[in-house]
């Protein structure tokens, strides 16, 4: 692995912490969606986790509670992995929103 060594580098990871399109338009699954959102928030914000632990959790994200309900396919979650790896630490800020009744988390590293 090589460190990015640039001044004024901005990396934007555009994805979504919940991406089950069928679930957006049907009832149920809220407990699974909430469980995954809270697991993801803990993984990205918990300063007591080492970076190696954080990356291991993200590498095995599909084992988290509600993971495959929240992400039947992973391509909309993978940008978060890139940002977390580049940042090298827990995130500095996060927000949890509800979009069409499902949780959506946003993460910021400064």
PDB file of N, CA and C in Angstrom:
ATOM      1  N   UNK A   1       0.850  -1.171   0.000  1.00  0.00           N
ATOM      2  CA  UNK A   1       0.000   0.000   0.000  1.00  0.00           C
ATOM      3  C   UNK A   1       0.895   1.232   0.000  1.00  0.00           C
ATOM      4  N   UNK A   2       0.516   2.231  -0.765  1.00  0.00           N
ATOM      5  CA  UNK A   2       1.271   3.464  -0.837  1.00  0.00           C
ATOM      6  C   UNK A   2       0.410   4.615  -0.345  1.00  0.00           C
ATOM      7  N   UNK A   3       1.001   5.470   0.471  1.00  0.00           N
ATOM      8  CA  UNK A   3       0.286   6.620   1.013  1.00  0.00           C
ATOM      9  C   UNK A   3       0.101   7.680  -0.073  1.00  0.00           C
ATOM     10  N   UNK A   4      -1.104   8.253  -0.135  1.00  0.00           N
ATOM     11  CA  UNK A   4      -1.329   9.393  -1.021  1.00  0.00           C
ATOM     12  C   UNK A   4      -0.710  10.615  -0.365  1.00  0.00           C
ATOM     13  N   UNK A   5       0.190  11.260  -1.058  1.00  0.00           N
ATOM     14  CA  UNK A   5       0.907  12.385  -0.473  1.00  0.00           C
ATOM     15  C   UNK A   5       0.725  13.614  -1.362  1.00  0.00           C
ATOM     16  N   UNK A   6      -0.485  14.162  -1.294  1.00  0.00           N
ATOM     17  CA  UNK A   6      -0.811  15.334  -2.089  1.00  0.00           C
ATOM     18  C   UNK A   6      -1.394  16.405  -1.187  1.00  0.00           C
ATOM     19  N   UNK A   7      -1.086  17.649  -1.487  1.00  0.00           N
ATOM     20  CA  UNK A   7      -1.727  18.751  -0.781  1.00  0.00           C
ATOM     21  C   UNK A   7      -3.077  19.012  -1.432  1.00  0.00           C
ATOM     22  N   UNK A   8      -4.039  19.399  -0.617  1.00  0.00           N
ATOM     23  CA  UNK A   8      -5.357  19.793  -1.104  1.00  0.00           C
ATOM     24  C   UNK A   8      -6.052  18.703  -1.925  1.00  0.00           C
ATOM     25  N   UNK A   9      -5.975  17.489  -1.469  1.00  0.00           N
ATOM     26  CA  UNK A   9      -6.632  16.375  -2.143  1.00  0.00           C
ATOM     27  C   UNK A   9      -8.013  16.170  -1.535  1.00  0.00           C
ATOM     28  N   UNK A  10      -9.013  16.124  -2.373  1.00  0.00           N
ATOM     29  CA  UNK A  10     -10.383  15.865  -1.939  1.00  0.00           C
ATOM     30  C   UNK A  10     -10.836  14.561  -2.555  1.00  0.00           C
ATOM     31  N   UNK A  11     -11.295  13.634  -1.717  1.00  0.00           N
ATOM     32  CA  UNK A  11     -11.832  12.369  -2.192  1.00  0.00           C
ATOM     33  C   UNK A  11     -13.302  12.336  -1.804  1.00  0.00           C
ATOM     34  N   UNK A  12     -14.162  12.106  -2.768  1.00  0.00           N
ATOM     35  CA  UNK A  12     -15.594  12.027  -2.512  1.00  0.00           C
ATOM     36  C   UNK A  12     -16.032  10.603  -2.796  1.00  0.00           C
ATOM     37  N   UNK A  13     -16.585   9.975  -1.785  1.00  0.00           N
ATOM     38  CA  UNK A  13     -17.120   8.627  -1.958  1.00  0.00           C
ATOM     39  C   UNK A  13     -18.624   8.725  -2.062  1.00  0.00           C
ATOM     40  N   UNK A  14     -19.137   8.570  -3.234  1.00  0.00           N
ATOM     41  CA  UNK A  14     -20.568   8.697  -3.451  1.00  0.00           C
ATOM     42  C   UNK A  14     -21.200   7.316  -3.438  1.00  0.00           C
ATOM     43  N   UNK A  15     -21.911   7.036  -2.396  1.00  0.00           N
ATOM     44  CA  UNK A  15     -22.596   5.767  -2.263  1.00  0.00           C
ATOM     45  C   UNK A  15     -23.812   5.981  -1.388  1.00  0.00           C
ATOM     46  N   UNK A  16     -24.265   4.917  -0.776  1.00  0.00           N
ATOM     47  CA  UNK A  16     -25.436   5.036   0.066  1.00  0.00           C
ATOM     48  C   UNK A  16     -25.367   3.937   1.110  1.00  0.00           C
ATOM     49  N   UNK A  17     -25.646   4.266   2.347  1.00  0.00           N
ATOM     50  CA  UNK A  17     -25.554   3.278   3.428  1.00  0.00           C
ATOM     51  C   UNK A  17     -26.728   2.307   3.420  1.00  0.00           C
ATOM     52  N   UNK A  18     -27.773   2.623   2.678  1.00  0.00           N
ATOM     53  CA  UNK A  18     -28.899   1.710   2.483  1.00  0.00           C
ATOM     54  C   UNK A  18     -29.235   1.720   1.008  1.00  0.00           C
ATOM     55  N   UNK A  19     -29.220   0.553   0.373  1.00  0.00           N
ATOM     56  CA  UNK A  19     -29.508   0.528  -1.054  1.00  0.00           C
ATOM     57  C   UNK A  19     -30.250  -0.741  -1.455  1.00  0.00           C
ATOM     58  N   UNK A  20     -31.421  -0.897  -0.890  1.00  0.00           N
ATOM     59  CA  UNK A  20     -32.313  -1.989  -1.274  1.00  0.00           C
ATOM     60  C   UNK A  20     -33.538  -1.327  -1.884  1.00  0.00           C
ATOM     61  N   UNK A  21     -33.528  -1.165  -3.201  1.00  0.00           N
ATOM     62  CA  UNK A  21     -34.578  -0.406  -3.870  1.00  0.00           C
ATOM     63  C   UNK A  21     -35.956  -1.023  -3.665  1.00  0.00           C
ATOM     64  N   UNK A  22     -36.063  -2.335  -3.643  1.00  0.00           N
ATOM     65  CA  UNK A  22     -37.361  -2.972  -3.410  1.00  0.00           C
ATOM     66  C   UNK A  22     -37.896  -2.620  -2.022  1.00  0.00           C
ATOM     67  N   UNK A  23     -37.023  -2.529  -1.041  1.00  0.00           N
ATOM     68  CA  UNK A  23     -37.450  -2.246   0.326  1.00  0.00           C
ATOM     69  C   UNK A  23     -37.918  -0.801   0.498  1.00  0.00           C
ATOM     70  N   UNK A  24     -37.432   0.100  -0.344  1.00  0.00           N
ATOM     71  CA  UNK A  24     -37.896   1.487  -0.250  1.00  0.00           C
ATOM     72  C   UNK A  24     -39.405   1.588  -0.464  1.00  0.00           C
ATOM     73  N   UNK A  25     -39.933   0.702  -1.248  1.00  0.00           N
ATOM     74  CA  UNK A  25     -41.331   0.815  -1.639  1.00  0.00           C
ATOM     75  C   UNK A  25     -42.201  -0.293  -1.058  1.00  0.00           C
ATOM     76  N   UNK A  26     -41.720  -0.892   0.025  1.00  0.00           N
ATOM     77  CA  UNK A  26     -42.519  -1.914   0.696  1.00  0.00           C
ATOM     78  C   UNK A  26     -42.352  -1.766   2.209  1.00  0.00           C
ATOM     79  N   UNK A  27     -43.298  -2.282   2.931  1.00  0.00           N
ATOM     80  CA  UNK A  27     -43.245  -2.209   4.391  1.00  0.00           C
ATOM     81  C   UNK A  27     -42.332  -3.305   4.918  1.00  0.00           C
ATOM     82  N   UNK A  28     -41.812  -3.079   6.103  1.00  0.00           N
ATOM     83  CA  UNK A  28     -40.995  -4.084   6.770  1.00  0.00           C
ATOM     84  C   UNK A  28     -39.510  -3.858   6.573  1.00  0.00           C
ATOM     85  N   UNK A  29     -38.749  -4.569   7.376  1.00  0.00           N
ATOM     86  CA  UNK A  29     -37.302  -4.503   7.275  1.00  0.00           C
ATOM     87  C   UNK A  29     -36.656  -3.373   8.041  1.00  0.00           C
ATOM     88  N   UNK A  30     -37.457  -2.554   8.719  1.00  0.00           N
ATOM     89  CA  UNK A  30     -36.893  -1.408   9.424  1.00  0.00           C
ATOM     90  C   UNK A  30     -35.878  -1.827  10.481  1.00  0.00           C
ATOM     91  N   UNK A  31     -36.139  -2.923  11.192  1.00  0.00           N
ATOM     92  CA  UNK A  31     -35.207  -3.372  12.236  1.00  0.00           C
ATOM     93  C   UNK A  31     -33.864  -3.770  11.623  1.00  0.00           C
ATOM     94  N   UNK A  32     -33.893  -4.478  10.492  1.00  0.00           N
ATOM     95  CA  UNK A  32     -32.642  -4.846   9.824  1.00  0.00           C
ATOM     96  C   UNK A  32     -31.901  -3.616   9.335  1.00  0.00           C
ATOM     97  N   UNK A  33     -32.624  -2.685   8.747  1.00  0.00           N
ATOM     98  CA  UNK A  33     -32.003  -1.468   8.234  1.00  0.00           C
ATOM     99  C   UNK A  33     -31.384  -0.656   9.367  1.00  0.00           C
ATOM    100  N   UNK A  34     -32.092  -0.532  10.476  1.00  0.00           N
ATOM    101  CA  UNK A  34     -31.559   0.200  11.630  1.00  0.00           C
ATOM    102  C   UNK A  34     -30.338  -0.502  12.212  1.00  0.00           C
ATOM    103  N   UNK A  35     -30.395  -1.824  12.305  1.00  0.00           N
ATOM    104  CA  UNK A  35     -29.265  -2.578  12.857  1.00  0.00           C
ATOM    105  C   UNK A  35     -28.013  -2.368  12.015  1.00  0.00           C
ATOM    106  N   UNK A  36     -28.173  -2.406  10.699  1.00  0.00           N
ATOM    107  CA  UNK A  36     -27.003  -2.201   9.838  1.00  0.00           C
ATOM    108  C   UNK A  36     -26.506  -0.767   9.941  1.00  0.00           C
ATOM    109  N   UNK A  37     -27.401   0.195   9.956  1.00  0.00           N
ATOM    110  CA  UNK A  37     -26.994   1.595  10.070  1.00  0.00           C
ATOM    111  C   UNK A  37     -26.201   1.822  11.358  1.00  0.00           C
ATOM    112  N   UNK A  38     -26.663   1.261  12.454  1.00  0.00           N
ATOM    113  CA  UNK A  38     -25.957   1.448  13.732  1.00  0.00           C
ATOM    114  C   UNK A  38     -24.613   0.719  13.742  1.00  0.00           C
ATOM    115  N   UNK A  39     -24.544  -0.445  13.111  1.00  0.00           N
ATOM    116  CA  UNK A  39     -23.271  -1.156  12.994  1.00  0.00           C
ATOM    117  C   UNK A  39     -22.289  -0.331  12.159  1.00  0.00           C
ATOM    118  N   UNK A  40     -22.771   0.232  11.061  1.00  0.00           N
ATOM    119  CA  UNK A  40     -21.919   1.024  10.184  1.00  0.00           C
ATOM    120  C   UNK A  40     -21.436   2.289  10.888  1.00  0.00           C
ATOM    121  N   UNK A  41     -22.323   2.931  11.615  1.00  0.00           N
ATOM    122  CA  UNK A  41     -21.926   4.127  12.372  1.00  0.00           C
ATOM    123  C   UNK A  41     -20.864   3.767  13.406  1.00  0.00           C
ATOM    124  N   UNK A  42     -21.077   2.680  14.145  1.00  0.00           N
ATOM    125  CA  UNK A  42     -20.080   2.268  15.137  1.00  0.00           C
ATOM    126  C   UNK A  42     -18.748   1.956  14.464  1.00  0.00           C
ATOM    127  N   UNK A  43     -18.790   1.271  13.348  1.00  0.00           N
ATOM    128  CA  UNK A  43     -17.562   0.906  12.639  1.00  0.00           C
ATOM    129  C   UNK A  43     -16.787   2.142  12.202  1.00  0.00           C
ATOM    130  N   UNK A  44     -17.474   3.147  11.697  1.00  0.00           N
ATOM    131  CA  UNK A  44     -16.798   4.331  11.159  1.00  0.00           C
ATOM    132  C   UNK A  44     -16.456   5.384  12.205  1.00  0.00           C
ATOM    133  N   UNK A  45     -17.176   5.395  13.327  1.00  0.00           N
ATOM    134  CA  UNK A  45     -16.974   6.479  14.300  1.00  0.00           C
ATOM    135  C   UNK A  45     -16.248   6.058  15.569  1.00  0.00           C
ATOM    136  N   UNK A  46     -16.188   4.779  15.845  1.00  0.00           N
ATOM    137  CA  UNK A  46     -15.652   4.305  17.117  1.00  0.00           C
ATOM    138  C   UNK A  46     -14.141   4.507  17.186  1.00  0.00           C
ATOM    139  N   UNK A  47     -13.718   5.489  17.951  1.00  0.00           N
ATOM    140  CA  UNK A  47     -12.302   5.796  18.106  1.00  0.00           C
ATOM    141  C   UNK A  47     -11.536   4.749  18.893  1.00  0.00           C
ATOM    142  N   UNK A  48     -12.242   3.844  19.541  1.00  0.00           N
ATOM    143  CA  UNK A  48     -11.569   2.781  20.282  1.00  0.00           C
ATOM    144  C   UNK A  48     -11.149   1.628  19.370  1.00  0.00           C
ATOM    145  N   UNK A  49     -11.684   1.585  18.152  1.00  0.00           N
ATOM    146  CA  UNK A  49     -11.255   0.576  17.184  1.00  0.00           C
ATOM    147  C   UNK A  49      -9.939   1.021  16.553  1.00  0.00           C
ATOM    148  N   UNK A  50      -9.025   0.093  16.381  1.00  0.00           N
ATOM    149  CA  UNK A  50      -7.817   0.417  15.617  1.00  0.00           C
ATOM    150  C   UNK A  50      -8.217   0.495  14.141  1.00  0.00           C
ATOM    151  N   UNK A  51      -7.362   1.089  13.340  1.00  0.00           N
ATOM    152  CA  UNK A  51      -7.670   1.159  11.912  1.00  0.00           C
ATOM    153  C   UNK A  51      -7.718  -0.250  11.319  1.00  0.00           C
ATOM    154  N   UNK A  52      -6.881  -1.133  11.796  1.00  0.00           N
ATOM    155  CA  UNK A  52      -6.911  -2.515  11.304  1.00  0.00           C
ATOM    156  C   UNK A  52      -8.246  -3.177  11.643  1.00  0.00           C
ATOM    157  N   UNK A  53      -8.749  -2.953  12.844  1.00  0.00           N
ATOM    158  CA  UNK A  53     -10.054  -3.504  13.225  1.00  0.00           C
ATOM    159  C   UNK A  53     -11.162  -2.910  12.367  1.00  0.00           C
ATOM    160  N   UNK A  54     -11.098  -1.599  12.142  1.00  0.00           N
ATOM    161  CA  UNK A  54     -12.115  -0.933  11.331  1.00  0.00           C
ATOM    162  C   UNK A  54     -12.137  -1.512   9.915  1.00  0.00           C
ATOM    163  N   UNK A  55     -10.963  -1.648   9.330  1.00  0.00           N
ATOM    164  CA  UNK A  55     -10.889  -2.169   7.965  1.00  0.00           C
ATOM    165  C   UNK A  55     -11.308  -3.630   7.900  1.00  0.00           C
ATOM    166  N   UNK A  56     -11.014  -4.402   8.934  1.00  0.00           N
ATOM    167  CA  UNK A  56     -11.455  -5.796   8.977  1.00  0.00           C
ATOM    168  C   UNK A  56     -12.981  -5.864   9.045  1.00  0.00           C
ATOM    169  N   UNK A  57     -13.570  -5.020   9.868  1.00  0.00           N
ATOM    170  CA  UNK A  57     -15.039  -4.995   9.953  1.00  0.00           C
ATOM    171  C   UNK A  57     -15.639  -4.621   8.600  1.00  0.00           C
ATOM    172  N   UNK A  58     -15.061  -3.613   7.943  1.00  0.00           N
ATOM    173  CA  UNK A  58     -15.579  -3.207   6.636  1.00  0.00           C
ATOM    174  C   UNK A  58     -15.363  -4.292   5.585  1.00  0.00           C
ATOM    175  N   UNK A  59     -14.246  -4.990   5.657  1.00  0.00           N
ATOM    176  CA  UNK A  59     -13.991  -6.071   4.699  1.00  0.00           C
ATOM    177  C   UNK A  59     -15.030  -7.183   4.831  1.00  0.00           C
ATOM    178  N   UNK A  60     -15.530  -7.377   6.044  1.00  0.00           N
ATOM    179  CA  UNK A  60     -16.517  -8.426   6.302  1.00  0.00           C
ATOM    180  C   UNK A  60     -17.883  -7.823   6.638  1.00  0.00           C
ATOM    181  N   UNK A  61     -18.197  -6.721   6.009  1.00  0.00           N
ATOM    182  CA  UNK A  61     -19.434  -5.983   6.260  1.00  0.00           C
ATOM    183  C   UNK A  61     -20.664  -6.860   6.098  1.00  0.00           C
ATOM    184  N   UNK A  62     -20.595  -7.851   5.197  1.00  0.00           N
ATOM    185  CA  UNK A  62     -21.767  -8.681   4.912  1.00  0.00           C
ATOM    186  C   UNK A  62     -22.141  -9.590   6.086  1.00  0.00           C
ATOM    187  N   UNK A  63     -21.297  -9.652   7.111  1.00  0.00           N
ATOM    188  CA  UNK A  63     -21.611 -10.424   8.320  1.00  0.00           C
ATOM    189  C   UNK A  63     -22.333  -9.574   9.371  1.00  0.00           C
ATOM    190  N   UNK A  64     -22.434  -8.274   9.125  1.00  0.00           N
ATOM    191  CA  UNK A  64     -23.068  -7.365  10.088  1.00  0.00           C
ATOM    192  C   UNK A  64     -24.573  -7.600  10.117  1.00  0.00           C
ATOM    193  N   UNK A  65     -25.216  -7.271  11.236  1.00  0.00           N
ATOM    194  CA  UNK A  65     -26.680  -7.417  11.315  1.00  0.00           C
ATOM    195  C   UNK A  65     -27.371  -6.584  10.238  1.00  0.00           C
ATOM    196  N   UNK A  66     -28.275  -7.199   9.507  1.00  0.00           N
ATOM    197  CA  UNK A  66     -29.050  -6.491   8.487  1.00  0.00           C
ATOM    198  C   UNK A  66     -28.282  -6.120   7.243  1.00  0.00           C
ATOM    199  N   UNK A  67     -27.066  -6.634   7.078  1.00  0.00           N
ATOM    200  CA  UNK A  67     -26.208  -6.205   5.969  1.00  0.00           C
ATOM    201  C   UNK A  67     -26.808  -6.490   4.597  1.00  0.00           C
ATOM    202  N   UNK A  68     -27.176  -7.722   4.350  1.00  0.00           N
ATOM    203  CA  UNK A  68     -27.661  -8.061   3.009  1.00  0.00           C
ATOM    204  C   UNK A  68     -29.082  -7.560   2.752  1.00  0.00           C
ATOM    205  N   UNK A  69     -29.832  -7.273   3.797  1.00  0.00           N
ATOM    206  CA  UNK A  69     -31.109  -6.595   3.581  1.00  0.00           C
ATOM    207  C   UNK A  69     -30.840  -5.169   3.118  1.00  0.00           C
ATOM    208  N   UNK A  70     -29.886  -4.513   3.765  1.00  0.00           N
ATOM    209  CA  UNK A  70     -29.568  -3.125   3.438  1.00  0.00           C
ATOM    210  C   UNK A  70     -28.828  -2.988   2.121  1.00  0.00           C
ATOM    211  N   UNK A  71     -28.056  -4.001   1.780  1.00  0.00           N
ATOM    212  CA  UNK A  71     -27.269  -3.987   0.543  1.00  0.00           C
ATOM    213  C   UNK A  71     -27.293  -5.351  -0.123  1.00  0.00           C
ATOM    214  N   UNK A  72     -28.326  -5.640  -0.909  1.00  0.00           N
ATOM    215  CA  UNK A  72     -28.328  -6.915  -1.637  1.00  0.00           C
ATOM    216  C   UNK A  72     -27.101  -7.053  -2.541  1.00  0.00           C
ATOM    217  N   UNK A  73     -26.610  -5.918  -3.031  1.00  0.00           N
ATOM    218  CA  UNK A  73     -25.362  -5.852  -3.805  1.00  0.00           C
ATOM    219  C   UNK A  73     -24.511  -4.752  -3.187  1.00  0.00           C
ATOM    220  N   UNK A  74     -23.222  -4.892  -3.269  1.00  0.00           N
ATOM    221  CA  UNK A  74     -22.339  -4.005  -2.497  1.00  0.00           C
ATOM    222  C   UNK A  74     -21.828  -2.753  -3.199  1.00  0.00           C
ATOM    223  N   UNK A  75     -22.096  -2.564  -4.484  1.00  0.00           N
ATOM    224  CA  UNK A  75     -21.435  -1.467  -5.185  1.00  0.00           C
ATOM    225  C   UNK A  75     -21.755  -0.078  -4.630  1.00  0.00           C
ATOM    226  N   UNK A  76     -22.871   0.092  -3.957  1.00  0.00           N
ATOM    227  CA  UNK A  76     -23.198   1.407  -3.407  1.00  0.00           C
ATOM    228  C   UNK A  76     -22.634   1.606  -2.000  1.00  0.00           C
ATOM    229  N   UNK A  77     -22.005   0.593  -1.460  1.00  0.00           N
ATOM    230  CA  UNK A  77     -21.355   0.688  -0.154  1.00  0.00           C
ATOM    231  C   UNK A  77     -19.840   0.800  -0.291  1.00  0.00           C
ATOM    232  N   UNK A  78     -19.278   0.283  -1.359  1.00  0.00           N
ATOM    233  CA  UNK A  78     -17.828   0.227  -1.525  1.00  0.00           C
ATOM    234  C   UNK A  78     -17.125   1.582  -1.516  1.00  0.00           C
ATOM    235  N   UNK A  79     -17.729   2.671  -1.992  1.00  0.00           N
ATOM    236  CA  UNK A  79     -17.034   3.958  -1.870  1.00  0.00           C
ATOM    237  C   UNK A  79     -16.699   4.318  -0.415  1.00  0.00           C
ATOM    238  N   UNK A  80     -17.525   3.881   0.519  1.00  0.00           N
ATOM    239  CA  UNK A  80     -17.235   4.117   1.933  1.00  0.00           C
ATOM    240  C   UNK A  80     -15.953   3.405   2.342  1.00  0.00           C
ATOM    241  N   UNK A  81     -15.732   2.212   1.823  1.00  0.00           N
ATOM    242  CA  UNK A  81     -14.516   1.463   2.133  1.00  0.00           C
ATOM    243  C   UNK A  81     -13.275   2.238   1.678  1.00  0.00           C
ATOM    244  N   UNK A  82     -13.356   2.817   0.494  1.00  0.00           N
ATOM    245  CA  UNK A  82     -12.234   3.587  -0.045  1.00  0.00           C
ATOM    246  C   UNK A  82     -11.943   4.788   0.851  1.00  0.00           C
ATOM    247  N   UNK A  83     -12.970   5.519   1.208  1.00  0.00           N
ATOM    248  CA  UNK A  83     -12.786   6.706   2.047  1.00  0.00           C
ATOM    249  C   UNK A  83     -12.238   6.340   3.423  1.00  0.00           C
ATOM    250  N   UNK A  84     -12.768   5.295   4.014  1.00  0.00           N
ATOM    251  CA  UNK A  84     -12.303   4.871   5.348  1.00  0.00           C
ATOM    252  C   UNK A  84     -10.846   4.428   5.299  1.00  0.00           C
ATOM    253  N   UNK A  85     -10.468   3.739   4.254  1.00  0.00           N
ATOM    254  CA  UNK A  85      -9.087   3.293   4.134  1.00  0.00           C
ATOM    255  C   UNK A  85      -8.140   4.470   3.915  1.00  0.00           C
ATOM    256  N   UNK A  86      -8.535   5.409   3.061  1.00  0.00           N
ATOM    257  CA  UNK A  86      -7.687   6.574   2.806  1.00  0.00           C
ATOM    258  C   UNK A  86      -7.542   7.456   4.040  1.00  0.00           C
ATOM    259  N   UNK A  87      -8.622   7.575   4.814  1.00  0.00           N
ATOM    260  CA  UNK A  87      -8.598   8.447   5.986  1.00  0.00           C
ATOM    261  C   UNK A  87      -7.662   7.909   7.059  1.00  0.00           C
ATOM    262  N   UNK A  88      -7.641   6.611   7.243  1.00  0.00           N
ATOM    263  CA  UNK A  88      -6.734   6.009   8.213  1.00  0.00           C
ATOM    264  C   UNK A  88      -7.149   6.165   9.657  1.00  0.00           C
ATOM    265  N   UNK A  89      -8.384   6.579   9.906  1.00  0.00           N
ATOM    266  CA  UNK A  89      -8.849   6.792  11.279  1.00  0.00           C
ATOM    267  C   UNK A  89     -10.372   6.810  11.287  1.00  0.00           C
ATOM    268  N   UNK A  90     -10.937   6.894  12.483  1.00  0.00           N
ATOM    269  CA  UNK A  90     -12.391   7.015  12.586  1.00  0.00           C
ATOM    270  C   UNK A  90     -12.830   8.335  11.959  1.00  0.00           C
ATOM    271  N   UNK A  91     -14.087   8.388  11.532  1.00  0.00           N
ATOM    272  CA  UNK A  91     -14.563   9.604  10.874  1.00  0.00           C
ATOM    273  C   UNK A  91     -14.699  10.743  11.889  1.00  0.00           C
ATOM    274  N   UNK A  92     -14.673  11.952  11.370  1.00  0.00           N
ATOM    275  CA  UNK A  92     -14.755  13.142  12.206  1.00  0.00           C
ATOM    276  C   UNK A  92     -16.185  13.585  12.479  1.00  0.00           C
ATOM    277  N   UNK A  93     -17.085  13.195  11.596  1.00  0.00           N
ATOM    278  CA  UNK A  93     -18.476  13.631  11.733  1.00  0.00           C
ATOM    279  C   UNK A  93     -19.362  12.647  10.976  1.00  0.00           C
ATOM    280  N   UNK A  94     -20.571  12.471  11.474  1.00  0.00           N
ATOM    281  CA  UNK A  94     -21.536  11.643  10.749  1.00  0.00           C
ATOM    282  C   UNK A  94     -22.935  12.184  10.998  1.00  0.00           C
ATOM    283  N   UNK A  95     -23.830  11.840  10.093  1.00  0.00           N
ATOM    284  CA  UNK A  95     -25.234  12.218  10.204  1.00  0.00           C
ATOM    285  C   UNK A  95     -26.085  11.013   9.841  1.00  0.00           C
ATOM    286  N   UNK A  96     -27.184  10.835  10.547  1.00  0.00           N
ATOM    287  CA  UNK A  96     -28.133   9.769  10.239  1.00  0.00           C
ATOM    288  C   UNK A  96     -29.450  10.426   9.842  1.00  0.00           C
ATOM    289  N   UNK A  97     -29.910  10.113   8.644  1.00  0.00           N
ATOM    290  CA  UNK A  97     -31.147  10.667   8.100  1.00  0.00           C
ATOM    291  C   UNK A  97     -32.123   9.534   7.839  1.00  0.00           C
ATOM    292  N   UNK A  98     -33.355   9.874   7.572  1.00  0.00           N
ATOM    293  CA  UNK A  98     -34.334   8.920   7.069  1.00  0.00           C
ATOM    294  C   UNK A  98     -34.713   9.345   5.664  1.00  0.00           C
ATOM    295  N   UNK A  99     -34.590   8.412   4.734  1.00  0.00           N
ATOM    296  CA  UNK A  99     -34.974   8.674   3.355  1.00  0.00           C
ATOM    297  C   UNK A  99     -35.983   7.601   2.970  1.00  0.00           C
ATOM    298  N   UNK A 100     -37.177   8.018   2.645  1.00  0.00           N
ATOM    299  CA  UNK A 100     -38.286   7.125   2.323  1.00  0.00           C
ATOM    300  C   UNK A 100     -38.439   6.073   3.433  1.00  0.00           C
ATOM    301  N   UNK A 101     -38.302   6.517   4.670  1.00  0.00           N
ATOM    302  CA  UNK A 101     -38.506   5.647   5.818  1.00  0.00           C
ATOM    303  C   UNK A 101     -37.362   4.710   6.152  1.00  0.00           C
ATOM    304  N   UNK A 102     -36.240   4.833   5.453  1.00  0.00           N
ATOM    305  CA  UNK A 102     -35.091   3.974   5.711  1.00  0.00           C
ATOM    306  C   UNK A 102     -33.909   4.838   6.178  1.00  0.00           C
ATOM    307  N   UNK A 103     -33.065   4.299   7.058  1.00  0.00           N
ATOM    308  CA  UNK A 103     -31.935   5.078   7.562  1.00  0.00           C
ATOM    309  C   UNK A 103     -30.859   5.265   6.498  1.00  0.00           C
ATOM    310  N   UNK A 104     -30.279   6.436   6.491  1.00  0.00           N
ATOM    311  CA  UNK A 104     -29.176   6.747   5.577  1.00  0.00           C
ATOM    312  C   UNK A 104     -28.106   7.483   6.373  1.00  0.00           C
ATOM    313  N   UNK A 105     -26.923   6.927   6.412  1.00  0.00           N
ATOM    314  CA  UNK A 105     -25.823   7.534   7.165  1.00  0.00           C
ATOM    315  C   UNK A 105     -24.834   8.182   6.211  1.00  0.00           C
ATOM    316  N   UNK A 106     -24.316   9.346   6.631  1.00  0.00           N
ATOM    317  CA  UNK A 106     -23.275  10.045   5.882  1.00  0.00           C
ATOM    318  C   UNK A 106     -22.072  10.200   6.804  1.00  0.00           C
ATOM    319  N   UNK A 107     -20.892  10.066   6.252  1.00  0.00           N
ATOM    320  CA  UNK A 107     -19.664  10.112   7.040  1.00  0.00           C
ATOM    321  C   UNK A 107     -18.681  11.107   6.432  1.00  0.00           C
ATOM    322  N   UNK A 108     -18.014  11.847   7.313  1.00  0.00           N
ATOM    323  CA  UNK A 108     -17.051  12.861   6.877  1.00  0.00           C
ATOM    324  C   UNK A 108     -15.726  12.653   7.587  1.00  0.00           C
ATOM    325  N   UNK A 109     -14.650  12.699   6.827  1.00  0.00           N
ATOM    326  CA  UNK A 109     -13.300  12.716   7.373  1.00  0.00           C
ATOM    327  C   UNK A 109     -12.667  14.018   6.917  1.00  0.00           C
ATOM    328  N   UNK A 110     -12.039  14.729   7.844  1.00  0.00           N
ATOM    329  CA  UNK A 110     -11.399  16.009   7.493  1.00  0.00           C
ATOM    330  C   UNK A 110      -9.899  15.870   7.465  1.00  0.00           C
TER     331      UNK A 110
END
